[in-house]
Amino acid sequence: MDLISVHVEDMMTIEKHLKGEQFADLVEDISQLTFGEGVYQIGPTIISIPTEHFFDKEIDFKAYVPVSQEVEVEGSEFSWQNVLDIPKAISSEMKFNDQVSEEFRKLRQYLDDNNKPVPERIFLILTPVYTDYWVNIVVPLEDVVEE
């Protein structure tokens, strides 16, 4: 477990309600998107999930896709967001697999053991590595800023 901060600027965002088994497909679909000529994804996809619904079969989530320049979003499912700032968080990194749930439980236990409030949302930072994804589970310890 690490203590980190996250600051990302210039993102396309999308909010969806999906079944848990559709989650991996959505992440893959997002990574394959083209946003227009000369516009590229410049960082890992970030997903936020309501903390209390992490284990639900269906979840509401928000995906953040950092891109190289602002994109016209009118008429699409996407919105534009200037900033995502998580000033202080605990985090654990691992290969995206069945162990993610167990690691999330450990992070939640840390909050309980240290009398820390449970944040409204957690964040998953998904980084492609060859044919796999690595995930950082990010649990905010301070208020998250979204502009």
N, C-alpha and C. Protein backbone atom coordinates (compact mmCIF):
# COMPACT_ATOMS: atom_id res chain seq x y z
N MET A 1 0.85 -1.17 0.00
CA MET A 1 0.00 0.00 0.00
C MET A 1 0.90 1.24 0.00
N ASP A 2 0.53 2.20 -0.85
CA ASP A 2 1.30 3.43 -0.98
C ASP A 2 0.41 4.63 -0.70
N LEU A 3 1.03 5.73 -0.30
CA LEU A 3 0.36 7.01 -0.15
C LEU A 3 0.69 7.82 -1.39
N ILE A 4 -0.34 8.24 -2.14
CA ILE A 4 -0.12 8.92 -3.42
C ILE A 4 -1.04 10.13 -3.57
N SER A 5 -0.80 10.89 -4.63
CA SER A 5 -1.73 11.91 -5.10
C SER A 5 -1.88 11.69 -6.61
N VAL A 6 -3.01 12.13 -7.14
CA VAL A 6 -3.27 11.99 -8.58
C VAL A 6 -3.77 13.33 -9.08
N HIS A 7 -3.18 13.81 -10.16
CA HIS A 7 -3.64 15.05 -10.80
C HIS A 7 -3.62 14.83 -12.31
N VAL A 8 -4.78 14.95 -12.94
CA VAL A 8 -4.90 14.75 -14.39
C VAL A 8 -5.67 15.94 -14.96
N GLU A 9 -5.26 16.39 -16.14
CA GLU A 9 -5.95 17.48 -16.82
C GLU A 9 -6.35 17.04 -18.22
N ASP A 10 -7.38 17.69 -18.77
CA ASP A 10 -7.83 17.50 -20.15
C ASP A 10 -8.28 16.07 -20.42
N MET A 11 -9.54 15.80 -20.06
CA MET A 11 -10.08 14.45 -20.18
C MET A 11 -11.44 14.43 -20.85
N MET A 12 -11.66 13.39 -21.62
CA MET A 12 -13.00 13.03 -22.05
C MET A 12 -13.56 12.17 -20.93
N THR A 13 -14.84 12.35 -20.60
CA THR A 13 -15.46 11.51 -19.57
C THR A 13 -16.75 10.92 -20.10
N ILE A 14 -17.12 9.79 -19.54
CA ILE A 14 -18.38 9.15 -19.89
C ILE A 14 -18.91 8.46 -18.64
N GLU A 15 -20.22 8.54 -18.43
CA GLU A 15 -20.85 7.88 -17.30
C GLU A 15 -21.78 6.80 -17.83
N LYS A 16 -21.71 5.62 -17.20
CA LYS A 16 -22.49 4.47 -17.66
C LYS A 16 -22.99 3.66 -16.47
N HIS A 17 -23.99 2.84 -16.74
CA HIS A 17 -24.47 1.83 -15.79
C HIS A 17 -24.28 0.49 -16.49
N LEU A 18 -23.46 -0.38 -15.91
CA LEU A 18 -23.13 -1.65 -16.55
C LEU A 18 -23.17 -2.81 -15.58
N LYS A 19 -23.31 -4.00 -16.14
CA LYS A 19 -23.12 -5.22 -15.37
C LYS A 19 -21.62 -5.42 -15.19
N GLY A 20 -21.24 -6.01 -14.08
CA GLY A 20 -19.83 -6.20 -13.75
C GLY A 20 -19.04 -6.89 -14.84
N GLU A 21 -19.63 -7.89 -15.50
CA GLU A 21 -18.89 -8.63 -16.53
C GLU A 21 -18.64 -7.79 -17.78
N GLN A 22 -19.34 -6.68 -17.95
CA GLN A 22 -19.12 -5.80 -19.10
C GLN A 22 -17.99 -4.81 -18.88
N PHE A 23 -17.52 -4.72 -17.65
CA PHE A 23 -16.53 -3.72 -17.26
C PHE A 23 -15.24 -3.83 -18.09
N ALA A 24 -14.67 -5.03 -18.17
CA ALA A 24 -13.40 -5.22 -18.90
C ALA A 24 -13.56 -4.87 -20.38
N ASP A 25 -14.70 -5.23 -20.97
CA ASP A 25 -14.95 -4.90 -22.38
C ASP A 25 -15.01 -3.40 -22.58
N LEU A 26 -15.63 -2.70 -21.66
CA LEU A 26 -15.74 -1.25 -21.79
C LEU A 26 -14.36 -0.60 -21.74
N VAL A 27 -13.51 -1.04 -20.82
CA VAL A 27 -12.16 -0.48 -20.72
C VAL A 27 -11.41 -0.70 -22.03
N GLU A 28 -11.53 -1.89 -22.59
CA GLU A 28 -10.87 -2.20 -23.86
C GLU A 28 -11.44 -1.32 -24.98
N ASP A 29 -12.76 -1.16 -25.03
CA ASP A 29 -13.38 -0.31 -26.06
C ASP A 29 -12.89 1.13 -25.95
N ILE A 30 -12.79 1.65 -24.74
CA ILE A 30 -12.32 3.03 -24.55
C ILE A 30 -10.90 3.18 -25.06
N SER A 31 -10.05 2.19 -24.79
CA SER A 31 -8.65 2.29 -25.21
C SER A 31 -8.50 2.24 -26.73
N GLN A 32 -9.52 1.74 -27.43
CA GLN A 32 -9.47 1.65 -28.89
C GLN A 32 -10.10 2.86 -29.59
N LEU A 33 -10.69 3.78 -28.82
CA LEU A 33 -11.36 4.93 -29.42
C LEU A 33 -10.37 5.85 -30.14
N THR A 34 -10.84 6.43 -31.21
CA THR A 34 -10.10 7.52 -31.84
C THR A 34 -10.95 8.77 -31.66
N PHE A 35 -10.32 9.85 -31.25
CA PHE A 35 -11.04 11.07 -30.91
C PHE A 35 -10.99 12.12 -32.01
N GLY A 36 -10.36 11.81 -33.12
CA GLY A 36 -10.21 12.77 -34.20
C GLY A 36 -8.76 12.87 -34.61
N GLU A 37 -8.54 13.44 -35.76
CA GLU A 37 -7.18 13.54 -36.28
C GLU A 37 -6.30 14.36 -35.34
N GLY A 38 -5.17 13.80 -34.98
CA GLY A 38 -4.21 14.49 -34.12
C GLY A 38 -4.55 14.48 -32.65
N VAL A 39 -5.60 13.77 -32.25
CA VAL A 39 -6.00 13.70 -30.85
C VAL A 39 -5.74 12.28 -30.36
N TYR A 40 -4.97 12.17 -29.27
CA TYR A 40 -4.55 10.87 -28.78
C TYR A 40 -4.80 10.74 -27.29
N GLN A 41 -5.02 9.50 -26.83
CA GLN A 41 -5.08 9.25 -25.40
C GLN A 41 -3.66 9.37 -24.88
N ILE A 42 -3.46 10.18 -23.83
CA ILE A 42 -2.10 10.46 -23.36
C ILE A 42 -1.86 9.95 -21.94
N GLY A 43 -2.73 9.14 -21.43
CA GLY A 43 -2.56 8.59 -20.09
C GLY A 43 -3.49 7.43 -19.89
N PRO A 44 -3.36 6.75 -18.77
CA PRO A 44 -4.22 5.59 -18.52
C PRO A 44 -5.67 5.99 -18.31
N THR A 45 -6.56 5.07 -18.63
CA THR A 45 -7.99 5.25 -18.36
C THR A 45 -8.20 5.15 -16.85
N ILE A 46 -9.03 6.05 -16.33
CA ILE A 46 -9.35 6.06 -14.91
C ILE A 46 -10.85 5.82 -14.79
N ILE A 47 -11.23 4.94 -13.89
CA ILE A 47 -12.64 4.63 -13.66
C ILE A 47 -12.96 4.97 -12.20
N SER A 48 -14.07 5.67 -11.97
CA SER A 48 -14.52 5.87 -10.59
C SER A 48 -15.80 5.07 -10.38
N ILE A 49 -15.88 4.48 -9.19
CA ILE A 49 -17.00 3.61 -8.83
C ILE A 49 -17.46 4.01 -7.43
N PRO A 50 -18.77 4.04 -7.18
CA PRO A 50 -19.23 4.28 -5.80
C PRO A 50 -18.65 3.22 -4.87
N THR A 51 -18.00 3.64 -3.81
CA THR A 51 -17.30 2.72 -2.91
C THR A 51 -18.23 1.64 -2.38
N GLU A 52 -19.42 2.03 -1.98
CA GLU A 52 -20.35 1.06 -1.37
C GLU A 52 -20.93 0.08 -2.39
N HIS A 53 -20.69 0.29 -3.68
CA HIS A 53 -21.23 -0.60 -4.71
C HIS A 53 -20.14 -1.38 -5.44
N PHE A 54 -18.94 -1.40 -4.88
CA PHE A 54 -17.80 -2.05 -5.53
C PHE A 54 -18.10 -3.51 -5.87
N PHE A 55 -18.82 -4.22 -5.01
CA PHE A 55 -19.07 -5.64 -5.22
C PHE A 55 -20.42 -5.94 -5.87
N ASP A 56 -21.17 -4.91 -6.24
CA ASP A 56 -22.48 -5.12 -6.87
C ASP A 56 -22.34 -5.75 -8.25
N LYS A 57 -23.39 -6.45 -8.67
CA LYS A 57 -23.39 -7.08 -10.00
C LYS A 57 -23.55 -6.04 -11.10
N GLU A 58 -24.18 -4.91 -10.78
CA GLU A 58 -24.32 -3.80 -11.72
C GLU A 58 -23.84 -2.53 -11.02
N ILE A 59 -23.12 -1.69 -11.76
CA ILE A 59 -22.56 -0.49 -11.14
C ILE A 59 -22.71 0.72 -12.05
N ASP A 60 -22.78 1.88 -11.40
CA ASP A 60 -22.68 3.15 -12.10
C ASP A 60 -21.22 3.56 -12.01
N PHE A 61 -20.65 3.98 -13.09
CA PHE A 61 -19.26 4.38 -13.05
C PHE A 61 -19.04 5.57 -13.95
N LYS A 62 -17.90 6.21 -13.76
CA LYS A 62 -17.48 7.31 -14.63
C LYS A 62 -16.08 6.97 -15.11
N ALA A 63 -15.86 7.07 -16.41
CA ALA A 63 -14.54 6.83 -17.00
C ALA A 63 -13.93 8.16 -17.42
N TYR A 64 -12.64 8.31 -17.16
CA TYR A 64 -11.88 9.51 -17.51
C TYR A 64 -10.78 9.08 -18.49
N VAL A 65 -10.71 9.75 -19.64
CA VAL A 65 -9.72 9.40 -20.65
C VAL A 65 -8.90 10.65 -20.96
N PRO A 66 -7.65 10.72 -20.47
CA PRO A 66 -6.81 11.89 -20.76
C PRO A 66 -6.46 11.93 -22.25
N VAL A 67 -6.66 13.10 -22.87
CA VAL A 67 -6.36 13.23 -24.30
C VAL A 67 -5.46 14.44 -24.55
N SER A 68 -4.86 14.46 -25.74
CA SER A 68 -3.82 15.44 -26.06
C SER A 68 -4.34 16.85 -26.27
N GLN A 69 -5.61 17.00 -26.59
CA GLN A 69 -6.19 18.34 -26.76
C GLN A 69 -7.69 18.25 -26.62
N GLU A 70 -8.33 19.38 -26.36
CA GLU A 70 -9.77 19.39 -26.16
C GLU A 70 -10.48 18.91 -27.42
N VAL A 71 -11.53 18.15 -27.20
CA VAL A 71 -12.29 17.54 -28.29
C VAL A 71 -13.72 18.04 -28.22
N GLU A 72 -14.32 18.27 -29.37
CA GLU A 72 -15.73 18.66 -29.44
C GLU A 72 -16.57 17.47 -29.00
N VAL A 73 -17.41 17.64 -27.98
CA VAL A 73 -18.18 16.53 -27.43
C VAL A 73 -19.68 16.63 -27.71
N GLU A 74 -20.10 17.70 -28.37
CA GLU A 74 -21.52 17.87 -28.67
C GLU A 74 -22.04 16.70 -29.49
N GLY A 75 -23.18 16.15 -29.08
CA GLY A 75 -23.79 15.07 -29.82
C GLY A 75 -23.18 13.70 -29.54
N SER A 76 -22.27 13.61 -28.58
CA SER A 76 -21.69 12.31 -28.25
C SER A 76 -22.03 11.95 -26.81
N GLU A 77 -21.69 10.73 -26.41
CA GLU A 77 -21.91 10.29 -25.03
C GLU A 77 -20.90 10.91 -24.08
N PHE A 78 -19.84 11.49 -24.61
CA PHE A 78 -18.75 12.00 -23.79
C PHE A 78 -18.97 13.44 -23.35
N SER A 79 -18.34 13.78 -22.24
CA SER A 79 -18.29 15.15 -21.74
C SER A 79 -16.82 15.54 -21.64
N TRP A 80 -16.58 16.83 -21.45
CA TRP A 80 -15.21 17.32 -21.29
C TRP A 80 -15.00 17.68 -19.83
N GLN A 81 -13.84 17.33 -19.29
CA GLN A 81 -13.49 17.70 -17.92
C GLN A 81 -12.07 18.23 -17.91
N ASN A 82 -11.89 19.38 -17.27
CA ASN A 82 -10.56 20.01 -17.22
C ASN A 82 -9.62 19.37 -16.21
N VAL A 83 -10.13 19.02 -15.02
CA VAL A 83 -9.24 18.59 -13.94
C VAL A 83 -9.88 17.46 -13.12
N LEU A 84 -9.04 16.50 -12.76
CA LEU A 84 -9.34 15.52 -11.72
C LEU A 84 -8.16 15.56 -10.76
N ASP A 85 -8.41 15.94 -9.51
CA ASP A 85 -7.33 16.07 -8.54
C ASP A 85 -7.68 15.29 -7.28
N ILE A 86 -6.85 14.31 -6.97
CA ILE A 86 -6.98 13.53 -5.74
C ILE A 86 -5.74 13.85 -4.91
N PRO A 87 -5.84 14.81 -3.97
CA PRO A 87 -4.65 15.31 -3.30
C PRO A 87 -3.95 14.30 -2.39
N LYS A 88 -4.71 13.37 -1.81
CA LYS A 88 -4.09 12.38 -0.92
C LYS A 88 -4.94 11.12 -0.95
N ALA A 89 -4.27 9.98 -1.17
CA ALA A 89 -4.99 8.71 -1.27
C ALA A 89 -4.07 7.56 -0.89
N ILE A 90 -4.68 6.44 -0.51
CA ILE A 90 -3.92 5.20 -0.41
C ILE A 90 -4.16 4.43 -1.69
N SER A 91 -3.15 3.64 -2.08
CA SER A 91 -3.24 2.96 -3.37
C SER A 91 -2.51 1.63 -3.31
N SER A 92 -2.99 0.72 -4.12
CA SER A 92 -2.33 -0.57 -4.28
C SER A 92 -2.36 -0.92 -5.76
N GLU A 93 -1.23 -1.39 -6.28
CA GLU A 93 -1.12 -1.70 -7.71
C GLU A 93 -0.97 -3.21 -7.90
N MET A 94 -1.64 -3.73 -8.95
CA MET A 94 -1.57 -5.16 -9.24
C MET A 94 -2.06 -5.42 -10.66
N LYS A 95 -1.82 -6.64 -11.12
CA LYS A 95 -2.39 -7.07 -12.39
C LYS A 95 -3.90 -7.14 -12.21
N PHE A 96 -4.64 -6.73 -13.24
CA PHE A 96 -6.10 -6.72 -13.18
C PHE A 96 -6.60 -8.15 -13.27
N ASN A 97 -7.02 -8.71 -12.12
CA ASN A 97 -7.49 -10.09 -12.07
C ASN A 97 -8.42 -10.25 -10.87
N ASP A 98 -8.64 -11.49 -10.49
CA ASP A 98 -9.57 -11.77 -9.39
C ASP A 98 -9.09 -11.25 -8.04
N GLN A 99 -7.82 -10.92 -7.91
CA GLN A 99 -7.28 -10.44 -6.64
C GLN A 99 -7.66 -8.99 -6.34
N VAL A 100 -8.22 -8.29 -7.31
CA VAL A 100 -8.59 -6.89 -7.11
C VAL A 100 -9.59 -6.76 -5.96
N SER A 101 -10.56 -7.65 -5.90
CA SER A 101 -11.56 -7.59 -4.82
C SER A 101 -10.91 -7.75 -3.45
N GLU A 102 -9.99 -8.70 -3.34
CA GLU A 102 -9.31 -8.92 -2.06
C GLU A 102 -8.47 -7.70 -1.67
N GLU A 103 -7.81 -7.10 -2.64
CA GLU A 103 -6.98 -5.93 -2.35
C GLU A 103 -7.86 -4.75 -1.92
N PHE A 104 -9.02 -4.61 -2.56
CA PHE A 104 -9.96 -3.57 -2.16
C PHE A 104 -10.39 -3.77 -0.71
N ARG A 105 -10.65 -5.02 -0.32
CA ARG A 105 -11.02 -5.31 1.08
C ARG A 105 -9.91 -4.87 2.04
N LYS A 106 -8.66 -5.10 1.66
CA LYS A 106 -7.52 -4.69 2.52
C LYS A 106 -7.47 -3.17 2.67
N LEU A 107 -7.71 -2.46 1.58
CA LEU A 107 -7.70 -1.00 1.65
C LEU A 107 -8.85 -0.49 2.52
N ARG A 108 -10.02 -1.10 2.39
CA ARG A 108 -11.17 -0.73 3.24
C ARG A 108 -10.86 -1.02 4.70
N GLN A 109 -10.19 -2.14 4.96
CA GLN A 109 -9.83 -2.49 6.33
C GLN A 109 -8.88 -1.46 6.91
N TYR A 110 -7.95 -0.96 6.09
CA TYR A 110 -7.04 0.10 6.53
C TYR A 110 -7.82 1.32 6.99
N LEU A 111 -8.84 1.71 6.21
CA LEU A 111 -9.67 2.86 6.60
C LEU A 111 -10.32 2.61 7.95
N ASP A 112 -10.90 1.43 8.11
CA ASP A 112 -11.58 1.09 9.37
C ASP A 112 -10.60 1.08 10.54
N ASP A 113 -9.45 0.44 10.35
CA ASP A 113 -8.45 0.32 11.42
C ASP A 113 -7.89 1.67 11.85
N ASN A 114 -7.88 2.63 10.93
CA ASN A 114 -7.29 3.94 11.21
C ASN A 114 -8.34 5.05 11.37
N ASN A 115 -9.59 4.64 11.57
CA ASN A 115 -10.69 5.58 11.78
C ASN A 115 -10.76 6.65 10.70
N LYS A 116 -10.54 6.25 9.46
CA LYS A 116 -10.63 7.17 8.31
C LYS A 116 -12.02 7.04 7.70
N PRO A 117 -12.59 8.14 7.24
CA PRO A 117 -13.90 8.05 6.60
C PRO A 117 -13.82 7.30 5.26
N VAL A 118 -14.87 6.60 4.95
CA VAL A 118 -14.95 5.89 3.67
C VAL A 118 -15.36 6.89 2.60
N PRO A 119 -14.55 7.05 1.54
CA PRO A 119 -14.91 8.02 0.50
C PRO A 119 -16.12 7.57 -0.30
N GLU A 120 -16.78 8.54 -0.89
CA GLU A 120 -17.96 8.25 -1.70
C GLU A 120 -17.61 7.38 -2.91
N ARG A 121 -16.45 7.65 -3.53
CA ARG A 121 -16.04 6.92 -4.73
C ARG A 121 -14.58 6.48 -4.59
N ILE A 122 -14.28 5.35 -5.23
CA ILE A 122 -12.89 4.94 -5.38
C ILE A 122 -12.53 5.04 -6.86
N PHE A 123 -11.25 5.01 -7.15
CA PHE A 123 -10.77 5.17 -8.52
C PHE A 123 -9.88 3.99 -8.88
N LEU A 124 -10.05 3.52 -10.10
CA LEU A 124 -9.20 2.46 -10.65
C LEU A 124 -8.45 3.07 -11.82
N ILE A 125 -7.13 3.08 -11.74
CA ILE A 125 -6.30 3.58 -12.84
C ILE A 125 -5.80 2.36 -13.60
N LEU A 126 -6.24 2.23 -14.85
CA LEU A 126 -5.97 1.03 -15.65
C LEU A 126 -4.92 1.32 -16.72
N THR A 127 -3.81 0.62 -16.64
CA THR A 127 -2.70 0.82 -17.56
C THR A 127 -2.48 -0.45 -18.38
N PRO A 128 -2.56 -0.35 -19.71
CA PRO A 128 -2.29 -1.54 -20.53
C PRO A 128 -0.80 -1.87 -20.52
N VAL A 129 -0.48 -3.14 -20.32
CA VAL A 129 0.89 -3.64 -20.38
C VAL A 129 0.85 -4.90 -21.25
N TYR A 130 1.29 -4.75 -22.50
CA TYR A 130 1.20 -5.82 -23.49
C TYR A 130 -0.26 -6.25 -23.62
N THR A 131 -0.58 -7.50 -23.31
CA THR A 131 -1.96 -7.98 -23.48
C THR A 131 -2.76 -7.94 -22.18
N ASP A 132 -2.18 -7.41 -21.12
CA ASP A 132 -2.84 -7.34 -19.82
C ASP A 132 -3.09 -5.90 -19.41
N TYR A 133 -3.82 -5.74 -18.33
CA TYR A 133 -3.99 -4.44 -17.69
C TYR A 133 -3.48 -4.53 -16.26
N TRP A 134 -2.81 -3.47 -15.82
CA TRP A 134 -2.46 -3.30 -14.42
C TRP A 134 -3.39 -2.26 -13.86
N VAL A 135 -3.74 -2.40 -12.61
CA VAL A 135 -4.68 -1.48 -11.98
C VAL A 135 -4.10 -0.93 -10.68
N ASN A 136 -4.26 0.36 -10.50
CA ASN A 136 -4.01 1.00 -9.21
C ASN A 136 -5.38 1.26 -8.61
N ILE A 137 -5.64 0.66 -7.47
CA ILE A 137 -6.87 0.97 -6.73
C ILE A 137 -6.54 2.18 -5.87
N VAL A 138 -7.26 3.27 -6.09
CA VAL A 138 -6.97 4.53 -5.40
C VAL A 138 -8.16 4.88 -4.50
N VAL A 139 -7.88 4.97 -3.20
CA VAL A 139 -8.91 5.29 -2.22
C VAL A 139 -8.58 6.68 -1.64
N PRO A 140 -9.36 7.70 -2.02
CA PRO A 140 -9.07 9.06 -1.55
C PRO A 140 -9.18 9.19 -0.03
N LEU A 141 -8.24 9.95 0.53
CA LEU A 141 -8.27 10.28 1.95
C LEU A 141 -8.69 11.72 2.17
N GLU A 142 -8.70 12.51 1.11
CA GLU A 142 -9.14 13.91 1.15
C GLU A 142 -10.14 14.13 0.02
N ASP A 143 -10.83 15.27 0.05
CA ASP A 143 -11.83 15.57 -0.97
C ASP A 143 -11.21 15.58 -2.36
N VAL A 144 -11.95 15.01 -3.31
CA VAL A 144 -11.54 14.97 -4.71
C VAL A 144 -12.08 16.22 -5.40
N VAL A 145 -11.26 16.84 -6.24
CA VAL A 145 -11.66 18.03 -6.99
C VAL A 145 -11.88 17.64 -8.44
N GLU A 146 -13.07 17.96 -8.95
CA GLU A 146 -13.38 17.74 -10.37
C GLU A 146 -13.91 19.04 -10.94
N GLU A 147 -13.24 19.52 -11.99
CA GLU A 147 -13.67 20.78 -12.64
C GLU A 147 -13.88 20.54 -14.11
